[in-house]
């Protein structure tokens, strides 16, 4: 009985893996980007392969369904450090994503962080030395060598506007981040550099400054990484979460808790609205209804990359796809979230 059960379980597992090992594109955009959001999805997880060396990790196989509309943020261990066995698994899963058209960037943190063992909360105590960031970039370059769709770096914990303005930790933050962007472009030719302040930052990081020795701006900024209730607060009243009511308010959306004048966010938000650079948002602890209703709403503010999950901070919201992932991709593919649309021609694809 036990042997038969074991054999049945093994056969069932093999059958499941054979299904998983052949993902198919669910989201193949037929609409112009301004009418349909693309996806920037964090993948803070390990990779795995079957006995034949074929990628079989559930999250990689699910993300592959997003195909060329998707950019995946790869993060095995707060950066690119993996063992030799894990390296082979990662490269197999990288190749699978690349073959499916998914673009990939490697996670690099820019701050010194630590976790309090008593509370489990992370804290930031300073800036990482530039040479450490460069080492991580070089590691990613080696780990992803020969993978066509690995295109650059995701610089996490980027300083926000006020940290840059006040030169946090007694460091010229604007100079420091411009150097990181330039270093990334040198390390990986034509690298895509995505900054993640999780809110608004100094717009000069997304502007070239050749006269000052910085010809390459960052390519994208994550302008919102937060709980869904920070986007749609109780009773849809953004004033409930603002720190002052003196300067007006935005409506529900990524700028919900920003006070435009007092926060000095005007220049940044205007640049986003004008699509001077690419902008993404990452929302956790949401619902299916939230994700289905807010993607196009975000695009009206100039945001081009939208990702929302029902996973929460009680776990790791970025180590699996949302429970509604396939349905979300199907609706995007059908254009169901759009009030107006336009077809792409072959060149636009």
Foldseek 3Di string as FASTA:
>chain_A
DVVVVVVVVVVVVVVVQVVLLDAAAQFDDFFFLLFFFAAEAEAAAAWDADPVLATRDAFLSLQLNSAQSYEYEDHDDQALDDDPVSLSRVQNSLQSSLVSRYAYAYEHEQFDWDADPVPRDIDTDGGDPLVVSLVRLLSVCVSNPPRVRHAFHEYELQAAAVCCVVVPPVHNSLVVLLVSQVSRCVSGPNHAYEYENQAHHDCCQQPADVVVPRRHHHAEYAHHEEEQCCQQPVVQQLVVQEPDPPQHADGRGRCSRPRCPVNVCVVVQVCLQVCVHAYEYEYELDDPVCLLACRSVHSNSNHRHYDYANDDPVPDRRNHHHPCSSVSSNCSNVSVSGPDTDGDDPVSD
